[in-house]
């Protein structure tokens, strides 16, 4: 009896993406089915290169096909295609998703999280851009170790390339020693230029590092472009978390979905013995997120290598790849990518 493509699709329709809670066939993740005697293969198209459940999906799909009569060999090639959260009508036609990274207050390591989150997504194979919209403290160039003046192609500014990212920042365009003293309308105009006057090209994710608080830049971003979602950064203290909730409420009022909360400086890992020490109340932010129905994206430790890497312009996810800090950032990147996929597919299904 010859195996048919319909039988393969029927078997794979029983395999669900654990994060999206839908089967692979209805999600359009099964392509290029190949049947050669007892060998069966197909292309598995994930919704993000940073899929946290990739291994499990492959294993479940393989087992489903191996149960088919006569199948002795299964070949699965894995690729990814990030769902588009930004409508075609916007000027940023090649950008699939815009993600704001914000905080309710300063000093929580928001830029450090934004830089390493972007680098982790790029390292997993995504096309990533990073817009430094922290107008008053544009520190992204320093954390990426680049101070190159962007070039102009006659029509638009070309973003600077750094560690696999496309990046633009006022820190590359203004005198770094002079403070920025601008009112709201000028801030909005500056953000508009950083968005629309830059040749971003094709991007799966454009991360926007926002200023602390709930001011003009956040409002302007939501008005200028359809933001896929926002990531909120906090530290474990109650005072920081409740300020983070103000930032979260700001995005909700602006009708920007909140992808979740990252707890930075969550715990200390001794560089000598490797022992974990919880400086603040452990699990408090995660518990509050669960109570409030907010996705908890993960914890980032307070360790010297994160600070050192930032000062040296070398993201810890790239230069300390085996460190606890790097693994933590990658876990958060997986959760952010999964949240974007869930959000986009839910909107597509509703539409």
Protein backbone atom coordinates (compact mmCIF):
# COMPACT_ATOMS: atom_id res chain seq x y z
CA UNK A 1 0.00 0.00 0.00
CA UNK A 2 1.42 3.36 -1.05
CA UNK A 3 1.44 6.15 1.54
CA UNK A 4 -0.34 9.31 0.40
CA UNK A 5 0.15 12.98 1.19
CA UNK A 6 -3.34 13.09 2.69
CA UNK A 7 -2.36 10.42 5.22
CA UNK A 8 0.74 12.38 6.17
CA UNK A 9 -1.30 15.55 6.65
CA UNK A 10 -3.88 13.65 8.68
CA UNK A 11 -1.16 12.33 11.00
CA UNK A 12 0.44 15.76 11.42
CA UNK A 13 -2.92 17.40 12.06
CA UNK A 14 -2.88 15.54 15.36
CA UNK A 15 0.32 17.29 16.44
CA UNK A 16 -0.13 20.61 18.23
CA UNK A 17 2.25 23.48 18.86
CA UNK A 18 2.33 23.49 22.71
CA UNK A 19 2.56 27.29 22.80
CA UNK A 20 -0.02 28.14 20.14
CA UNK A 21 -2.42 25.28 21.00
CA UNK A 22 -3.22 24.60 17.35
CA UNK A 23 -2.18 21.77 15.07
CA UNK A 24 0.75 22.07 12.67
CA UNK A 25 -1.37 21.72 9.54
CA UNK A 26 -3.89 24.46 10.37
CA UNK A 27 -1.00 26.74 11.36
CA UNK A 28 0.57 26.29 7.93
CA UNK A 29 3.73 24.83 9.47
CA UNK A 30 3.80 21.75 7.21
CA UNK A 31 5.26 22.26 3.73
CA UNK A 32 7.03 20.34 0.99
CA UNK A 33 5.91 16.82 1.92
CA UNK A 34 8.16 14.15 0.39
CA UNK A 35 7.30 10.44 0.16
CA UNK A 36 9.87 7.98 -1.17
CA UNK A 37 8.93 4.41 -0.44
CA UNK A 38 9.26 3.92 3.30
CA UNK A 39 10.86 7.35 3.78
CA UNK A 40 8.72 10.40 4.63
CA UNK A 41 9.91 13.97 4.98
CA UNK A 42 8.56 17.50 5.18
CA UNK A 43 9.60 21.06 5.95
CA UNK A 44 8.53 22.29 9.39
CA UNK A 45 8.08 26.07 9.30
CA UNK A 46 8.14 27.45 12.85
CA UNK A 47 6.67 30.84 13.71
CA UNK A 48 10.02 32.09 15.02
CA UNK A 49 13.67 30.97 14.92
CA UNK A 50 13.63 31.35 18.72
CA UNK A 51 10.79 28.87 19.21
CA UNK A 52 11.10 27.51 22.78
CA UNK A 53 9.25 24.30 21.88
CA UNK A 54 11.07 23.46 18.65
CA UNK A 55 12.61 20.19 19.87
CA UNK A 56 9.32 18.97 21.29
CA UNK A 57 7.41 19.81 18.09
CA UNK A 58 9.96 17.95 15.97
CA UNK A 59 9.83 14.95 18.31
CA UNK A 60 6.00 14.84 18.33
CA UNK A 61 5.85 15.17 14.52
CA UNK A 62 8.42 12.43 14.07
CA UNK A 63 6.52 10.07 16.37
CA UNK A 64 3.24 10.79 14.58
CA UNK A 65 4.74 9.86 11.21
CA UNK A 66 6.58 6.83 12.54
CA UNK A 67 3.23 5.41 13.61
CA UNK A 68 2.05 5.31 9.99
CA UNK A 69 2.11 1.78 8.49
CA UNK A 70 5.30 1.03 6.57
CA UNK A 71 7.19 4.19 7.51
CA UNK A 72 10.78 3.38 8.52
CA UNK A 73 12.50 6.74 8.15
CA UNK A 74 11.36 10.33 8.85
CA UNK A 75 13.26 13.41 7.70
CA UNK A 76 12.22 16.82 9.05
CA UNK A 77 13.93 20.01 7.93
CA UNK A 78 13.27 22.98 10.20
CA UNK A 79 13.00 26.61 9.17
CA UNK A 80 11.07 29.64 10.45
CA UNK A 81 8.81 32.35 9.13
CA UNK A 82 7.85 35.03 11.64
CA UNK A 83 4.17 36.10 11.40
CA UNK A 84 3.71 39.73 10.45
CA UNK A 85 2.25 41.98 13.12
CA UNK A 86 2.77 45.27 11.27
CA UNK A 87 0.17 45.97 8.52
CA UNK A 88 1.37 46.53 4.96
CA UNK A 89 0.00 50.06 4.90
CA UNK A 90 2.69 51.42 7.23
CA UNK A 91 5.87 53.06 5.86
CA UNK A 92 7.94 50.30 7.50
CA UNK A 93 6.94 47.74 4.88
CA UNK A 94 9.79 45.30 5.46
CA UNK A 95 9.39 45.24 9.25
CA UNK A 96 7.25 42.35 10.45
CA UNK A 97 6.99 43.23 14.16
CA UNK A 98 7.75 46.30 16.29
CA UNK A 99 8.45 45.61 19.96
CA UNK A 100 8.76 48.41 22.52
CA UNK A 101 11.04 47.75 25.50
CA UNK A 102 10.08 50.03 28.37
CA UNK A 103 10.13 50.45 32.13
CA UNK A 104 8.25 52.46 34.70
CA UNK A 105 11.44 53.99 36.07
CA UNK A 106 15.13 54.31 35.33
CA UNK A 107 17.92 52.19 36.76
CA UNK A 108 16.33 48.79 36.13
CA UNK A 109 18.64 47.79 33.27
CA UNK A 110 16.14 48.31 30.46
CA UNK A 111 18.75 49.06 27.79
CA UNK A 112 20.86 46.08 28.85
CA UNK A 113 17.81 43.86 28.45
CA UNK A 114 16.91 45.41 25.08
CA UNK A 115 20.44 44.96 23.68
CA UNK A 116 20.84 41.37 24.82
CA UNK A 117 17.29 40.44 23.85
CA UNK A 118 17.95 41.76 20.34
CA UNK A 119 21.29 39.96 20.15
CA UNK A 120 19.75 36.69 21.37
CA UNK A 121 17.00 36.83 18.74
CA UNK A 122 19.58 37.57 16.02
CA UNK A 123 21.79 34.75 17.22
CA UNK A 124 18.86 32.36 16.81
CA UNK A 125 18.55 33.37 13.15
CA UNK A 126 16.00 36.21 13.20
CA UNK A 127 16.48 39.46 11.29
CA UNK A 128 16.62 42.08 14.03
CA UNK A 129 16.83 45.85 14.23
CA UNK A 130 17.36 47.96 17.35
CA UNK A 131 16.16 51.56 17.54
CA UNK A 132 17.56 53.52 20.47
CA UNK A 133 14.67 55.84 21.32
CA UNK A 134 15.96 56.64 24.80
CA UNK A 135 16.54 60.21 23.65
CA UNK A 136 17.96 61.53 26.92
CA UNK A 137 20.29 58.59 27.52
CA UNK A 138 21.13 56.89 24.20
CA UNK A 139 23.43 54.17 25.53
CA UNK A 140 22.84 51.47 22.92
CA UNK A 141 25.93 52.44 20.83
CA UNK A 142 28.16 52.09 23.89
CA UNK A 143 26.68 48.70 24.80
CA UNK A 144 27.18 47.47 21.24
CA UNK A 145 30.69 48.91 21.04
CA UNK A 146 30.09 51.05 17.99
CA UNK A 147 30.31 54.81 17.47
CA UNK A 148 30.28 54.77 13.69
CA UNK A 149 28.49 57.68 12.04
CA UNK A 150 25.64 56.30 9.92
CA UNK A 151 25.91 56.73 6.16
CA UNK A 152 23.32 58.35 3.89
CA UNK A 153 22.39 56.76 0.55
CA UNK A 154 20.87 59.91 -0.91
CA UNK A 155 17.37 59.09 0.32
CA UNK A 156 17.61 57.53 3.74
CA UNK A 157 20.00 56.90 6.62
CA UNK A 158 21.61 53.45 6.63
CA UNK A 159 21.51 51.76 10.04
CA UNK A 160 24.82 50.72 11.56
CA UNK A 161 25.57 46.99 11.68
CA UNK A 162 26.76 45.59 15.00
CA UNK A 163 26.91 41.93 16.07
CA UNK A 164 24.31 40.87 13.52
CA UNK A 165 21.93 43.73 14.35
CA UNK A 166 20.83 46.81 12.44
CA UNK A 167 20.97 49.73 14.85
CA UNK A 168 20.27 53.46 14.87
CA UNK A 169 20.58 55.91 17.77
CA UNK A 170 20.75 59.62 18.38
CA UNK A 171 23.95 58.75 20.19
CA UNK A 172 25.49 58.22 16.75
CA UNK A 173 24.15 61.49 15.36
CA UNK A 174 24.66 64.01 18.18
CA UNK A 175 27.61 65.14 20.29
CA UNK A 176 27.79 62.49 23.04
CA UNK A 177 29.02 65.03 25.60
CA UNK A 178 26.10 67.43 25.19
CA UNK A 179 22.76 66.85 26.90
CA UNK A 180 19.54 66.66 24.92
CA UNK A 181 17.13 69.34 26.13
CA UNK A 182 14.06 68.92 23.94
CA UNK A 183 10.35 69.37 24.43
CA UNK A 184 7.64 66.94 23.38
CA UNK A 185 7.09 68.02 19.75
CA UNK A 186 10.83 67.82 19.01
CA UNK A 187 11.02 64.40 20.64
CA UNK A 188 8.15 63.18 18.47
CA UNK A 189 9.83 64.52 15.34
CA UNK A 190 13.14 62.86 16.26
CA UNK A 191 11.42 59.50 16.79
CA UNK A 192 9.58 59.87 13.49
CA UNK A 193 12.88 60.39 11.67
CA UNK A 194 14.52 57.43 13.40
CA UNK A 195 11.61 55.27 12.29
CA UNK A 196 10.83 56.47 8.78
CA UNK A 197 14.06 58.09 7.54
CA UNK A 198 16.14 54.95 8.15
CA UNK A 199 16.43 52.15 5.58
CA UNK A 200 15.59 49.24 7.86
CA UNK A 201 14.96 46.71 5.08
CA UNK A 202 13.57 43.30 5.95
CA UNK A 203 13.29 42.66 9.70
CA UNK A 204 11.48 40.01 11.72
CA UNK A 205 11.69 42.17 14.83
CA UNK A 206 12.43 45.87 15.33
CA UNK A 207 13.07 46.45 19.03
CA UNK A 208 12.63 50.01 20.30
CA UNK A 209 14.52 50.89 23.48
CA UNK A 210 12.24 53.48 25.08
CA UNK A 211 13.03 56.09 27.74
CA UNK A 212 12.01 55.27 31.32
CA UNK A 213 8.58 56.35 32.45
CA UNK A 214 5.39 57.13 30.58
CA UNK A 215 6.16 60.21 28.53
CA UNK A 216 6.07 61.69 25.05
CA UNK A 217 8.19 59.06 23.29
CA UNK A 218 5.90 56.18 24.31
CA UNK A 219 2.86 58.15 23.16
CA UNK A 220 4.51 59.13 19.87
CA UNK A 221 5.58 55.55 19.11
CA UNK A 222 2.03 54.27 19.54
CA UNK A 223 0.69 57.08 17.34
CA UNK A 224 3.29 56.73 14.58
CA UNK A 225 3.35 52.97 14.03
CA UNK A 226 1.31 49.87 14.94
CA UNK A 227 3.37 48.42 17.77
CA UNK A 228 3.06 44.64 17.94
CA UNK A 229 3.63 44.59 21.67
CA UNK A 230 5.62 45.89 24.63
CA UNK A 231 8.11 44.25 26.96
CA UNK A 232 8.26 45.76 30.46
CA UNK A 233 11.49 45.56 32.49
CA UNK A 234 11.51 45.72 36.28
CA UNK A 235 13.63 44.70 39.24
CA UNK A 236 12.27 42.62 42.15
CA UNK A 237 11.57 45.45 44.65
CA UNK A 238 7.94 46.39 45.14
CA UNK A 239 8.63 50.04 44.36
CA UNK A 240 10.15 49.13 40.97
CA UNK A 241 7.41 46.65 40.13
CA UNK A 242 4.57 49.05 40.88
CA UNK A 243 6.26 51.68 38.73
CA UNK A 244 6.54 49.02 36.01
CA UNK A 245 2.79 48.49 36.28
CA UNK A 246 2.31 52.19 35.50
CA UNK A 247 4.34 51.69 32.34
CA UNK A 248 2.27 48.62 31.54
CA UNK A 249 -0.98 50.53 32.05
CA UNK A 250 0.30 53.27 29.75
CA UNK A 251 0.75 50.81 26.90
CA UNK A 252 -2.66 49.30 27.54
CA UNK A 253 -4.29 52.75 27.40
CA UNK A 254 -2.47 53.33 24.11
CA UNK A 255 -3.92 50.00 22.89
CA UNK A 256 -0.49 48.40 22.66
CA UNK A 257 -0.56 44.74 23.79
CA UNK A 258 1.82 43.92 26.64
CA UNK A 259 3.88 40.84 25.81
CA UNK A 260 5.03 40.42 29.40
CA UNK A 261 7.38 41.46 32.19
CA UNK A 262 11.10 40.70 32.60
CA UNK A 263 12.55 40.64 36.11
CA UNK A 264 16.11 42.00 35.83
CA UNK A 265 18.75 41.83 38.59
CA UNK A 266 16.63 39.05 40.00
CA UNK A 267 19.30 37.19 41.94
CA UNK A 268 23.06 37.14 42.45
CA UNK A 269 25.29 34.27 41.34
CA UNK A 270 28.65 34.12 43.12
CA UNK A 271 31.46 34.14 40.50
CA UNK A 272 33.63 31.99 42.81
CA UNK A 273 31.33 29.21 43.99
CA UNK A 274 28.38 29.61 41.62
CA UNK A 275 25.88 29.75 44.49
CA UNK A 276 22.66 31.67 43.94
CA UNK A 277 21.65 34.34 46.44
CA UNK A 278 18.26 36.03 46.32
CA UNK A 279 18.95 39.65 47.27
CA UNK A 280 15.27 40.56 47.03
CA UNK A 281 12.07 38.66 47.69
CA UNK A 282 12.13 35.61 45.44
CA UNK A 283 9.21 34.98 43.11
CA UNK A 284 7.23 38.08 44.09
CA UNK A 285 7.06 39.55 40.57
CA UNK A 286 6.15 36.22 39.02
CA UNK A 287 3.38 35.72 41.58
CA UNK A 288 1.99 39.19 40.93
CA UNK A 289 2.07 38.54 37.18
CA UNK A 290 0.10 35.34 37.66
CA UNK A 291 -2.49 37.12 39.80
CA UNK A 292 -2.87 39.95 37.28
CA UNK A 293 -2.86 37.71 34.19
CA UNK A 294 0.40 39.12 32.84
CA UNK A 295 2.88 36.87 31.06
CA UNK A 296 6.08 36.49 33.09
CA UNK A 297 8.92 36.43 30.58
CA UNK A 298 11.70 35.31 32.92
CA UNK A 299 14.47 36.39 35.27
CA UNK A 300 17.92 37.84 34.60
CA UNK A 301 20.64 37.45 37.25
CA UNK A 302 22.73 40.23 38.73
CA UNK A 303 26.23 39.13 37.74
CA UNK A 304 29.48 40.99 36.96
CA UNK A 305 29.78 39.70 33.38
CA UNK A 306 26.62 41.54 32.32
CA UNK A 307 28.04 44.87 33.51
CA UNK A 308 31.48 44.14 32.10
CA UNK A 309 30.10 43.11 28.73
CA UNK A 310 27.98 46.25 28.52
CA UNK A 311 30.94 48.49 29.33
CA UNK A 312 33.09 46.71 26.75
CA UNK A 313 30.42 46.88 24.05
CA UNK A 314 30.19 43.11 23.82
CA UNK A 315 26.69 41.68 24.53
CA UNK A 316 26.93 38.93 27.13
CA UNK A 317 24.79 36.56 25.04
CA UNK A 318 27.53 36.57 22.40
CA UNK A 319 30.73 36.81 24.40
CA UNK A 320 29.79 34.75 27.45
CA UNK A 321 27.59 32.30 25.60
CA UNK A 322 27.88 29.55 28.23
CA UNK A 323 27.20 31.82 31.20
CA UNK A 324 24.09 31.78 33.36
CA UNK A 325 23.36 35.33 32.18
CA UNK A 326 23.46 34.34 28.51
CA UNK A 327 21.15 31.37 29.07
CA UNK A 328 18.74 33.61 30.97
CA UNK A 329 18.58 36.15 28.15
CA UNK A 330 17.99 33.39 25.62
CA UNK A 331 15.11 32.03 27.71
CA UNK A 332 13.55 35.49 27.80
CA UNK A 333 14.07 35.89 24.04
CA UNK A 334 12.24 32.59 23.48
CA UNK A 335 9.33 33.76 25.62
CA UNK A 336 9.12 37.12 23.84
CA UNK A 337 9.19 35.44 20.42
CA UNK A 338 6.51 32.98 21.53
CA UNK A 339 4.33 35.81 22.87
CA UNK A 340 4.61 37.64 19.53
CA UNK A 341 3.62 34.50 17.62
CA UNK A 342 0.64 33.81 19.90
CA UNK A 343 -0.55 37.39 19.57
CA UNK A 344 -0.20 37.59 15.80
CA UNK A 345 -1.86 34.25 15.15
CA UNK A 346 -4.74 35.07 17.49
CA UNK A 347 -5.32 38.31 15.58
CA UNK A 348 -5.18 36.47 12.25
CA UNK A 349 -7.64 33.87 13.50
CA UNK A 350 -10.02 36.55 14.80
CA UNK A 351 -9.79 38.39 11.47
